[in-house]
C-alpha atoms as a PDB file:
ATOM      1  CA  MET A   1      17.857  11.180  16.635  1.00  0.00           C
ATOM      2  CA  PRO A   2      14.812  13.388  15.946  1.00  0.00           C
ATOM      3  CA  LEU A   3      13.554  13.433  12.341  1.00  0.00           C
ATOM      4  CA  THR A   4      14.235  17.140  11.793  1.00  0.00           C
ATOM      5  CA  ARG A   5      17.875  16.810  12.903  1.00  0.00           C
ATOM      6  CA  ARG A   6      18.380  13.706  10.746  1.00  0.00           C
ATOM      7  CA  LEU A   7      17.033  15.559   7.735  1.00  0.00           C
ATOM      8  CA  LEU A   8      19.117  18.637   8.484  1.00  0.00           C
ATOM      9  CA  LEU A   9      22.266  16.526   8.647  1.00  0.00           C
ATOM     10  CA  ALA A  10      21.335  14.719   5.443  1.00  0.00           C
ATOM     11  CA  SER A  11      20.628  18.022   3.712  1.00  0.00           C
ATOM     12  CA  ALA A  12      23.943  19.476   4.889  1.00  0.00           C
ATOM     13  CA  SER A  13      25.757  16.469   3.506  1.00  0.00           C
ATOM     14  CA  LEU A  14      24.039  16.847   0.140  1.00  0.00           C
ATOM     15  CA  LEU A  15      24.677  20.570  -0.066  1.00  0.00           C
ATOM     16  CA  ALA A  16      28.348  20.025   0.742  1.00  0.00           C
ATOM     17  CA  THR A  17      28.780  18.203  -2.594  1.00  0.00           C
ATOM     18  CA  PRO A  18      29.427  20.801  -5.345  1.00  0.00           C
ATOM     19  CA  ALA A  19      28.111  18.548  -8.130  1.00  0.00           C
ATOM     20  CA  LEU A  20      24.681  18.598  -6.490  1.00  0.00           C
ATOM     21  CA  ALA A  21      24.151  22.293  -7.136  1.00  0.00           C
ATOM     22  CA  GLN A  22      22.706  21.204 -10.492  1.00  0.00           C
ATOM     23  CA  GLY A  23      20.657  18.047 -10.878  1.00  0.00           C
ATOM     24  CA  GLY A  24      21.089  16.719  -7.344  1.00  0.00           C
ATOM     25  CA  PRO A  25      19.084  13.808  -5.952  1.00  0.00           C
ATOM     26  CA  LEU A  26      15.323  14.013  -5.864  1.00  0.00           C
ATOM     27  CA  ARG A  27      14.785  14.156  -2.096  1.00  0.00           C
ATOM     28  CA  CYS A  28      11.609  12.290  -1.215  1.00  0.00           C
ATOM     29  CA  ALA A  29       9.873  11.302   2.019  1.00  0.00           C
ATOM     30  CA  VAL A  30       7.143   8.911   3.061  1.00  0.00           C
ATOM     31  CA  GLY A  31       5.473   8.456   6.431  1.00  0.00           C
ATOM     32  CA  PRO A  32       4.962   5.385   8.661  1.00  0.00           C
ATOM     33  CA  PHE A  33       2.464   3.484   6.520  1.00  0.00           C
ATOM     34  CA  GLN A  34       3.874   0.058   7.406  1.00  0.00           C
ATOM     35  CA  PRO A  35       4.655  -1.551  10.786  1.00  0.00           C
ATOM     36  CA  THR A  36       8.382  -0.825  10.477  1.00  0.00           C
ATOM     37  CA  ALA A  37      10.496   1.673   8.574  1.00  0.00           C
ATOM     38  CA  GLY A  38      12.038  -1.208   6.631  1.00  0.00           C
ATOM     39  CA  ASP A  39       8.603  -2.450   5.586  1.00  0.00           C
ATOM     40  CA  THR A  40       7.647   1.043   4.436  1.00  0.00           C
ATOM     41  CA  ARG A  41      10.842   1.482   2.449  1.00  0.00           C
ATOM     42  CA  ARG A  42      10.395  -1.844   0.669  1.00  0.00           C
ATOM     43  CA  ALA A  43       6.773  -1.061  -0.190  1.00  0.00           C
ATOM     44  CA  TYR A  44       7.185   2.553  -1.347  1.00  0.00           C
ATOM     45  CA  GLU A  45      10.726   2.815  -2.705  1.00  0.00           C
ATOM     46  CA  PRO A  46       9.851   1.399  -6.160  1.00  0.00           C
ATOM     47  CA  PHE A  47       7.377   4.246  -6.740  1.00  0.00           C
ATOM     48  CA  PHE A  48       9.871   6.911  -5.708  1.00  0.00           C
ATOM     49  CA  THR A  49      12.541   5.239  -7.829  1.00  0.00           C
ATOM     50  CA  HIS A  50      10.123   5.616 -10.759  1.00  0.00           C
ATOM     51  CA  LEU A  51       9.720   9.331 -10.021  1.00  0.00           C
ATOM     52  CA  ALA A  52      13.457   9.903  -9.758  1.00  0.00           C
ATOM     53  CA  LYS A  53      14.179   8.011 -12.956  1.00  0.00           C
ATOM     54  CA  ALA A  54      11.431   9.920 -14.779  1.00  0.00           C
ATOM     55  CA  VAL A  55      13.005  13.263 -13.868  1.00  0.00           C
ATOM     56  CA  GLY A  56      16.572  12.113 -14.485  1.00  0.00           C
ATOM     57  CA  ARG A  57      17.728  12.279 -10.878  1.00  0.00           C
ATOM     58  CA  ALA A  58      19.160   9.935  -8.306  1.00  0.00           C
ATOM     59  CA  LEU A  59      16.812   9.134  -5.421  1.00  0.00           C
ATOM     60  CA  GLY A  60      17.232  10.213  -1.817  1.00  0.00           C
ATOM     61  CA  LEU A  61      14.398   8.622   0.210  1.00  0.00           C
ATOM     62  CA  THR A  62      13.642   9.310   3.876  1.00  0.00           C
ATOM     63  CA  VAL A  63      11.159   7.104   5.748  1.00  0.00           C
ATOM     64  CA  THR A  64       9.810   9.079   8.701  1.00  0.00           C
ATOM     65  CA  THR A  65       8.551   7.785  12.025  1.00  0.00           C
ATOM     66  CA  ASP A  66       5.745  10.327  12.295  1.00  0.00           C
ATOM     67  CA  TRP A  67       3.506  12.353   9.987  1.00  0.00           C
ATOM     68  CA  ALA A  68       4.075  15.882  11.216  1.00  0.00           C
ATOM     69  CA  GLY A  69       7.802  15.648  10.547  1.00  0.00           C
ATOM     70  CA  ILE A  70       7.261  15.607   6.774  1.00  0.00           C
ATOM     71  CA  ALA A  71       5.517  18.982   6.943  1.00  0.00           C
ATOM     72  CA  VAL A  72       8.535  20.358   8.825  1.00  0.00           C
ATOM     73  CA  ALA A  73      10.906  18.872   6.260  1.00  0.00           C
ATOM     74  CA  LEU A  74       8.997  20.450   3.366  1.00  0.00           C
ATOM     75  CA  ALA A  75       8.930  23.796   5.174  1.00  0.00           C
ATOM     76  CA  ASN A  76      12.705  23.657   5.670  1.00  0.00           C
ATOM     77  CA  GLU A  77      13.259  22.614   2.031  1.00  0.00           C
ATOM     78  CA  GLN A  78      14.878  19.387   3.190  1.00  0.00           C
ATOM     79  CA  VAL A  79      12.493  17.349   1.027  1.00  0.00           C
ATOM     80  CA  ASP A  80      11.358  17.988  -2.545  1.00  0.00           C
ATOM     81  CA  ALA A  81       8.408  15.591  -2.786  1.00  0.00           C
ATOM     82  CA  ALA A  82       6.474  13.478  -0.318  1.00  0.00           C
ATOM     83  CA  TRP A  83       3.704  10.895  -0.171  1.00  0.00           C
ATOM     84  CA  MET A  84       1.640  12.426   2.630  1.00  0.00           C
ATOM     85  CA  GLY A  85      -1.512  11.740   4.561  1.00  0.00           C
ATOM     86  CA  PRO A  86      -4.196  14.389   3.930  1.00  0.00           C
ATOM     87  CA  TRP A  87      -3.764  16.194   7.261  1.00  0.00           C
ATOM     88  CA  GLY A  88       0.008  16.204   6.997  1.00  0.00           C
ATOM     89  CA  TYR A  89      -0.354  17.794   3.580  1.00  0.00           C
ATOM     90  CA  VAL A  90      -2.790  20.448   4.831  1.00  0.00           C
ATOM     91  CA  LEU A  91      -0.335  21.287   7.628  1.00  0.00           C
ATOM     92  CA  ALA A  92       2.468  21.568   5.087  1.00  0.00           C
ATOM     93  CA  ARG A  93       0.392  23.816   2.838  1.00  0.00           C
ATOM     94  CA  ASP A  94      -0.651  26.015   5.749  1.00  0.00           C
ATOM     95  CA  ARG A  95       2.844  26.327   7.196  1.00  0.00           C
ATOM     96  CA  ALA A  96       5.048  26.046   4.138  1.00  0.00           C
ATOM     97  CA  LYS A  97       2.919  26.531   0.998  1.00  0.00           C
ATOM     98  CA  ALA A  98       3.387  22.935  -0.091  1.00  0.00           C
ATOM     99  CA  GLU A  99       1.422  21.978  -3.185  1.00  0.00           C
ATOM    100  CA  ALA A 100      -0.503  18.763  -3.848  1.00  0.00           C
ATOM    101  CA  LEU A 101       0.092  17.494  -7.364  1.00  0.00           C
ATOM    102  CA  ALA A 102      -2.034  14.357  -7.213  1.00  0.00           C
ATOM    103  CA  VAL A 103      -4.374  12.269  -5.055  1.00  0.00           C
ATOM    104  CA  VAL A 104      -3.675   8.549  -4.832  1.00  0.00           C
ATOM    105  CA  GLN A 105      -6.187   5.932  -5.946  1.00  0.00           C
ATOM    106  CA  TYR A 106      -6.750   2.831  -3.836  1.00  0.00           C
ATOM    107  CA  GLN A 107      -8.639   0.029  -5.553  1.00  0.00           C
ATOM    108  CA  GLY A 108      -9.773   2.658  -8.033  1.00  0.00           C
ATOM    109  CA  LYS A 109     -11.120   5.039  -5.366  1.00  0.00           C
ATOM    110  CA  SER A 110      -9.768   8.402  -4.218  1.00  0.00           C
ATOM    111  CA  THR A 111     -11.441   8.316  -0.769  1.00  0.00           C
ATOM    112  CA  TYR A 112     -11.181   6.257   2.415  1.00  0.00           C
ATOM    113  CA  HIS A 113     -12.597   6.255   5.978  1.00  0.00           C
ATOM    114  CA  ALA A 114     -11.217   6.876   9.433  1.00  0.00           C
ATOM    115  CA  ILE A 115     -12.301   4.207  11.892  1.00  0.00           C
ATOM    116  CA  ILE A 116     -12.178   3.457  15.599  1.00  0.00           C
ATOM    117  CA  ILE A 117     -11.656  -0.177  16.469  1.00  0.00           C
ATOM    118  CA  ALA A 118     -12.306  -1.989  19.739  1.00  0.00           C
ATOM    119  CA  ARG A 119     -11.597  -5.279  21.414  1.00  0.00           C
ATOM    120  CA  PRO A 120     -14.305  -7.667  20.178  1.00  0.00           C
ATOM    121  CA  ASP A 121     -15.281  -8.790  23.691  1.00  0.00           C
ATOM    122  CA  LEU A 122     -16.320  -5.295  24.781  1.00  0.00           C
ATOM    123  CA  ALA A 123     -20.062  -4.597  25.010  1.00  0.00           C
ATOM    124  CA  ILE A 124     -20.362  -1.448  22.915  1.00  0.00           C
ATOM    125  CA  ALA A 125     -23.855  -1.243  21.448  1.00  0.00           C
ATOM    126  CA  ARG A 126     -23.797   2.573  21.255  1.00  0.00           C
ATOM    127  CA  PHE A 127     -20.650   4.553  20.519  1.00  0.00           C
ATOM    128  CA  PRO A 128     -19.308   6.555  22.225  1.00  0.00           C
ATOM    129  CA  GLU A 129     -21.776   6.293  25.113  1.00  0.00           C
ATOM    130  CA  ASP A 130     -20.963   2.687  25.977  1.00  0.00           C
ATOM    131  CA  ALA A 131     -17.220   3.308  25.702  1.00  0.00           C
ATOM    132  CA  LYS A 132     -16.899   6.141  28.208  1.00  0.00           C
ATOM    133  CA  GLY A 133     -13.929   5.648  30.526  1.00  0.00           C
ATOM    134  CA  MET A 134     -12.287   3.017  28.327  1.00  0.00           C
ATOM    135  CA  SER A 135      -8.668   3.302  27.237  1.00  0.00           C
ATOM    136  CA  ILE A 136      -8.085   4.681  23.746  1.00  0.00           C
ATOM    137  CA  SER A 137      -4.966   5.125  21.642  1.00  0.00           C
ATOM    138  CA  PHE A 138      -4.857   7.845  18.985  1.00  0.00           C
ATOM    139  CA  ALA A 139      -2.154   8.062  16.328  1.00  0.00           C
ATOM    140  CA  ASP A 140       0.268  10.989  16.219  1.00  0.00           C
ATOM    141  CA  ALA A 141      -1.031  14.517  15.769  1.00  0.00           C
ATOM    142  CA  GLY A 142      -0.029  14.614  12.102  1.00  0.00           C
ATOM    143  CA  SER A 143      -2.372  11.750  11.191  1.00  0.00           C
ATOM    144  CA  THR A 144      -5.659  12.461   9.406  1.00  0.00           C
ATOM    145  CA  SER A 145      -7.625   9.360  10.331  1.00  0.00           C
ATOM    146  CA  GLY A 146      -5.729   8.593  13.508  1.00  0.00           C
ATOM    147  CA  TRP A 147      -5.917  12.008  15.140  1.00  0.00           C
ATOM    148  CA  LEU A 148      -7.517  14.923  13.286  1.00  0.00           C
ATOM    149  CA  ILE A 149     -10.810  13.466  12.088  1.00  0.00           C
ATOM    150  CA  PRO A 150     -11.660  11.536  15.287  1.00  0.00           C
ATOM    151  CA  HIS A 151     -10.881  14.625  17.376  1.00  0.00           C
ATOM    152  CA  TYR A 152     -13.025  16.743  15.063  1.00  0.00           C
ATOM    153  CA  TRP A 153     -15.925  14.288  15.235  1.00  0.00           C
ATOM    154  CA  PHE A 154     -15.776  14.146  19.030  1.00  0.00           C
ATOM    155  CA  LYS A 155     -15.826  17.953  19.067  1.00  0.00           C
ATOM    156  CA  THR A 156     -19.048  17.937  17.027  1.00  0.00           C
ATOM    157  CA  GLN A 157     -20.498  15.633  19.708  1.00  0.00           C
ATOM    158  CA  GLY A 158     -19.445  17.953  22.525  1.00  0.00           C
ATOM    159  CA  ILE A 159     -16.901  15.431  23.795  1.00  0.00           C
ATOM    160  CA  ASP A 160     -13.284  15.972  24.817  1.00  0.00           C
ATOM    161  CA  PRO A 161     -11.655  12.574  24.266  1.00  0.00           C
ATOM    162  CA  ARG A 162      -8.826  13.460  26.652  1.00  0.00           C
ATOM    163  CA  THR A 163     -11.249  13.425  29.562  1.00  0.00           C
ATOM    164  CA  TYR A 164     -13.987  11.136  28.212  1.00  0.00           C
ATOM    165  CA  PHE A 165     -11.573   8.210  27.770  1.00  0.00           C
ATOM    166  CA  ARG A 166      -8.289   7.102  29.292  1.00  0.00           C
ATOM    167  CA  TYR A 167      -6.416   8.830  26.506  1.00  0.00           C
ATOM    168  CA  ARG A 168      -3.044   8.482  24.879  1.00  0.00           C
ATOM    169  CA  ASP A 169      -1.711   9.391  21.443  1.00  0.00           C
ATOM    170  CA  GLY A 170       1.414   9.234  19.287  1.00  0.00           C
ATOM    171  CA  ALA A 171       1.216   5.638  18.066  1.00  0.00           C
ATOM    172  CA  SER A 172       1.506   4.439  14.478  1.00  0.00           C
ATOM    173  CA  HIS A 173      -1.568   2.904  12.853  1.00  0.00           C
ATOM    174  CA  PRO A 174      -0.155  -0.641  12.797  1.00  0.00           C
ATOM    175  CA  ALA A 175       0.813  -0.286  16.470  1.00  0.00           C
ATOM    176  CA  ASN A 176      -2.736   0.819  17.280  1.00  0.00           C
ATOM    177  CA  ASP A 177      -4.202  -2.240  15.574  1.00  0.00           C
ATOM    178  CA  LEU A 178      -1.866  -4.592  17.386  1.00  0.00           C
ATOM    179  CA  ALA A 179      -2.487  -2.907  20.746  1.00  0.00           C
ATOM    180  CA  VAL A 180      -6.210  -3.617  20.430  1.00  0.00           C
ATOM    181  CA  ALA A 181      -5.684  -7.131  19.084  1.00  0.00           C
ATOM    182  CA  ASN A 182      -3.322  -7.943  21.955  1.00  0.00           C
ATOM    183  CA  GLY A 183      -5.630  -6.480  24.611  1.00  0.00           C
ATOM    184  CA  GLN A 184      -3.235  -3.685  25.581  1.00  0.00           C
ATOM    185  CA  VAL A 185      -5.853  -1.014  24.930  1.00  0.00           C
ATOM    186  CA  ASP A 186      -9.641  -1.053  24.588  1.00  0.00           C
ATOM    187  CA  LEU A 187     -10.006   1.263  21.594  1.00  0.00           C
ATOM    188  CA  ALA A 188      -7.769   2.740  18.926  1.00  0.00           C
ATOM    189  CA  THR A 189      -7.978   4.943  15.861  1.00  0.00           C
ATOM    190  CA  ASP A 190      -7.093   3.655  12.414  1.00  0.00           C
ATOM    191  CA  TYR A 191      -8.249   3.830   8.784  1.00  0.00           C
ATOM    192  CA  ASP A 192     -10.028   1.175   6.782  1.00  0.00           C
ATOM    193  CA  ARG A 193      -7.246   0.665   4.230  1.00  0.00           C
ATOM    194  CA  ASN A 194      -4.662  -0.016   6.923  1.00  0.00           C
ATOM    195  CA  LEU A 195      -6.854  -2.450   8.834  1.00  0.00           C
ATOM    196  CA  ALA A 196      -7.574  -4.369   5.625  1.00  0.00           C
ATOM    197  CA  ALA A 197      -3.858  -4.450   4.778  1.00  0.00           C
ATOM    198  CA  MET A 198      -2.907  -5.687   8.250  1.00  0.00           C
ATOM    199  CA  ILE A 199      -5.450  -8.507   7.994  1.00  0.00           C
ATOM    200  CA  ALA A 200      -4.394  -9.402   4.440  1.00  0.00           C
ATOM    201  CA  ALA A 201      -0.744  -9.554   5.524  1.00  0.00           C
ATOM    202  CA  GLY A 202      -1.610 -11.882   8.409  1.00  0.00           C
ATOM    203  CA  ARG A 203      -0.452  -9.404  11.060  1.00  0.00           C
ATOM    204  CA  LEU A 204      -3.783  -9.773  12.835  1.00  0.00           C
ATOM    205  CA  ARG A 205      -7.022 -11.695  12.357  1.00  0.00           C
ATOM    206  CA  ALA A 206     -10.326 -10.039  11.502  1.00  0.00           C
ATOM    207  CA  ASP A 207     -11.884 -11.506  14.667  1.00  0.00           C
ATOM    208  CA  GLN A 208      -9.339  -9.770  16.924  1.00  0.00           C
ATOM    209  CA  VAL A 209     -10.907  -6.323  16.478  1.00  0.00           C
ATOM    210  CA  LYS A 210     -14.261  -4.769  15.657  1.00  0.00           C
ATOM    211  CA  ILE A 211     -15.117  -1.389  14.128  1.00  0.00           C
ATOM    212  CA  VAL A 212     -17.288   0.802  16.374  1.00  0.00           C
ATOM    213  CA  TRP A 213     -17.104   4.093  14.431  1.00  0.00           C
ATOM    214  CA  ARG A 214     -16.546   5.098  10.800  1.00  0.00           C
ATOM    215  CA  SER A 215     -16.097   8.608   9.375  1.00  0.00           C
ATOM    216  CA  GLU A 216     -17.551  10.100   6.236  1.00  0.00           C
ATOM    217  CA  PRO A 217     -15.415   9.630   3.093  1.00  0.00           C
ATOM    218  CA  LEU A 218     -12.050  11.379   3.286  1.00  0.00           C
ATOM    219  CA  PRO A 219      -9.664  12.285   0.444  1.00  0.00           C
ATOM    220  CA  ASN A 220      -6.789   9.873  -0.044  1.00  0.00           C
ATOM    221  CA  ASP A 221      -3.097  10.685   0.409  1.00  0.00           C
ATOM    222  CA  ALA A 222      -1.401  13.458  -1.532  1.00  0.00           C
ATOM    223  CA  LEU A 223       1.728  13.529  -3.618  1.00  0.00           C
ATOM    224  CA  ALA A 224       3.017  16.920  -2.484  1.00  0.00           C
ATOM    225  CA  VAL A 225       6.009  19.075  -3.364  1.00  0.00           C
ATOM    226  CA  ARG A 226       7.712  21.899  -1.515  1.00  0.00           C
ATOM    227  CA  ASP A 227       7.232  25.554  -2.265  1.00  0.00           C
ATOM    228  CA  ARG A 228       9.709  27.083  -4.737  1.00  0.00           C
ATOM    229  CA  LEU A 229      10.499  23.742  -6.371  1.00  0.00           C
ATOM    230  CA  ASP A 230      11.648  24.282  -9.942  1.00  0.00           C
ATOM    231  CA  PRO A 231       8.481  24.456 -12.126  1.00  0.00           C
ATOM    232  CA  GLY A 232       9.936  22.108 -14.717  1.00  0.00           C
ATOM    233  CA  LEU A 233      10.819  19.517 -12.074  1.00  0.00           C
ATOM    234  CA  LYS A 234       7.382  19.900 -10.499  1.00  0.00           C
ATOM    235  CA  SER A 235       5.696  19.306 -13.850  1.00  0.00           C
ATOM    236  CA  ALA A 236       7.855  16.270 -14.541  1.00  0.00           C
ATOM    237  CA  ILE A 237       7.003  14.743 -11.140  1.00  0.00           C
ATOM    238  CA  ARG A 238       3.288  15.326 -11.752  1.00  0.00           C
ATOM    239  CA  ASP A 239       3.458  13.747 -15.197  1.00  0.00           C
ATOM    240  CA  ALA A 240       5.379  10.737 -13.888  1.00  0.00           C
ATOM    241  CA  ALA A 241       2.727  10.028 -11.270  1.00  0.00           C
ATOM    242  CA  LEU A 242      -0.341  10.715 -13.380  1.00  0.00           C
ATOM    243  CA  GLY A 243       1.101   8.714 -16.268  1.00  0.00           C
ATOM    244  CA  LEU A 244       0.941   5.450 -14.319  1.00  0.00           C
ATOM    245  CA  ASP A 245      -1.760   3.087 -15.545  1.00  0.00           C
ATOM    246  CA  ALA A 246      -3.164   0.251 -13.440  1.00  0.00           C
ATOM    247  CA  ALA A 247      -0.644  -2.281 -14.762  1.00  0.00           C
ATOM    248  CA  ALA A 248       2.332  -0.041 -14.016  1.00  0.00           C
ATOM    249  CA  ALA A 249       0.900   0.837 -10.605  1.00  0.00           C
ATOM    250  CA  ALA A 250       0.626  -2.856  -9.789  1.00  0.00           C
ATOM    251  CA  ARG A 251       4.355  -3.248 -10.461  1.00  0.00           C
ATOM    252  CA  ILE A 252       5.743  -0.284  -8.543  1.00  0.00           C
ATOM    253  CA  MET A 253       3.148   0.828  -5.972  1.00  0.00           C
ATOM    254  CA  PRO A 254       2.154  -0.903  -2.725  1.00  0.00           C
ATOM    255  CA  ALA A 255      -0.605  -3.502  -2.963  1.00  0.00           C
ATOM    256  CA  ASN A 256      -4.048  -2.244  -4.007  1.00  0.00           C
ATOM    257  CA  TYR A 257      -2.873   1.222  -5.078  1.00  0.00           C
ATOM    258  CA  THR A 258      -3.984   1.756  -8.672  1.00  0.00           C
ATOM    259  CA  GLY A 259      -2.528   5.130  -9.671  1.00  0.00           C
ATOM    260  CA  TRP A 260      -3.098   8.850  -9.188  1.00  0.00           C
ATOM    261  CA  VAL A 261      -5.607  11.518 -10.229  1.00  0.00           C
ATOM    262  CA  PRO A 262      -4.906  15.274 -10.414  1.00  0.00           C
ATOM    263  CA  ALA A 263      -5.344  17.226  -7.181  1.00  0.00           C
ATOM    264  CA  ARG A 264      -7.897  20.058  -7.335  1.00  0.00           C
ATOM    265  CA  PRO A 265      -7.846  23.248  -5.246  1.00  0.00           C
ATOM    266  CA  ASP A 266     -10.702  21.845  -3.128  1.00  0.00           C
ATOM    267  CA  SER A 267      -9.464  18.250  -2.876  1.00  0.00           C
ATOM    268  CA  TYR A 268      -8.586  18.664   0.811  1.00  0.00           C
ATOM    269  CA  ALA A 269     -11.232  21.231   1.829  1.00  0.00           C
ATOM    270  CA  LEU A 270     -12.834  18.857   4.347  1.00  0.00           C
ATOM    271  CA  ILE A 271      -9.498  18.285   6.067  1.00  0.00           C
ATOM    272  CA  GLU A 272      -8.791  22.022   6.158  1.00  0.00           C
ATOM    273  CA  ALA A 273     -12.197  22.665   7.753  1.00  0.00           C
ATOM    274  CA  ALA A 274     -11.494  20.116  10.488  1.00  0.00           C
ATOM    275  CA  GLY A 275      -8.068  21.643  11.140  1.00  0.00           C
ATOM    276  CA  ARG A 276      -9.548  25.117  11.489  1.00  0.00           C
ATOM    277  CA  ALA A 277     -12.351  23.896  13.767  1.00  0.00           C
ATOM    278  CA  LEU A 278      -9.741  22.451  16.107  1.00  0.00           C
ATOM    279  CA  GLY A 279      -7.571  25.569  15.938  1.00  0.00           C
ATOM    280  CA  ARG A 280      -4.676  23.662  14.407  1.00  0.00           C
ATOM    281  CA  ILE A 281      -4.353  25.872  11.338  1.00  0.00           C
ATOM    282  CA  GLY A 282      -5.183  29.504  10.580  1.00  0.00           C
ATOM    283  CA  GLY A 283      -8.770  30.640  10.732  1.00  0.00           C
ATOM    284  CA  GLY A 284      -9.735  28.436  13.682  1.00  0.00           C
END
C-alpha cells in the first residue's frame, strides 16, 4: 500500500478516538536509513521514544520506504515530527512550511558528503569522463545525497545523467551499495556515513566498492515539525533533542550519532539552491 494511503488510514484511525483530541500520540516518521524497515525501526525508535516521553505523549512511529513521502505526510498533517534528510526537509518546507528545529551531529560533525561509488575493477581514472555509458543507480528523488546533489553537480558540468549513463533511480542507499558490491550495477550514489555504516556492520567489505566522486560538505539531517504544530509542543520537542549530551545520545541514537545542534535559517541554504537550480522548488 502506498505510504500516503497508509498514513491517511493511520491518521483516520487516530482521529476516530475521542480521547486523542487532547494529548494524542506524538506522530513521528523516519526514512529508509537502514537496509530494511525493521532495521530502521530498531535503530531509531529509542530516540523517538525519548521525544514522546519528554513531551508526555505516547509514540506513533512510521518508518517510510522513501524520502519524499515524509514531506507529503507533513504537508497533510499526518505526521508531527520527522527525522529527515536535508532535501526531504527542504521539500517539506517549500510545500508545507515545515520547520527544522535541529541539525543532527554525527561523530561530532554537522556535515557529511554525497558520494558516487563504483565497482573496484572498473578503470575510472577521470570521473565522469571514463564512466560515460556505464550503468548508474540513483536513490529516490527525495534523497539529498542520492539524487539531488549528484544531479545538481552533473548539471554544473553540462551533463544530463539520464543520457550520459545507463540510468535508473528509486533505490535505497543500502540497496545501491549492495548493487555495486554484487556487480549488478557499475555506479551508484550514496553518502559517506551510510557507506561507513554498511562496512562497519559487515554488510559489505571496503574492497567491494570504490569512491569516484565526493561532494562538498552538506548539512546533516533535520529534526523537522509540521506547520501549525502547537508552539508549546514544538518547544518541548526542540528541548528534548537539544538536551541530549553525548552519553545520552550513545544510549538512544543510532551508532555514531552524538546529539543535535539548533537549526539556523540558513542551515539548508545550499540544498535549497540546488533544488531551485534543478527546478524542483520555487524560484528555479
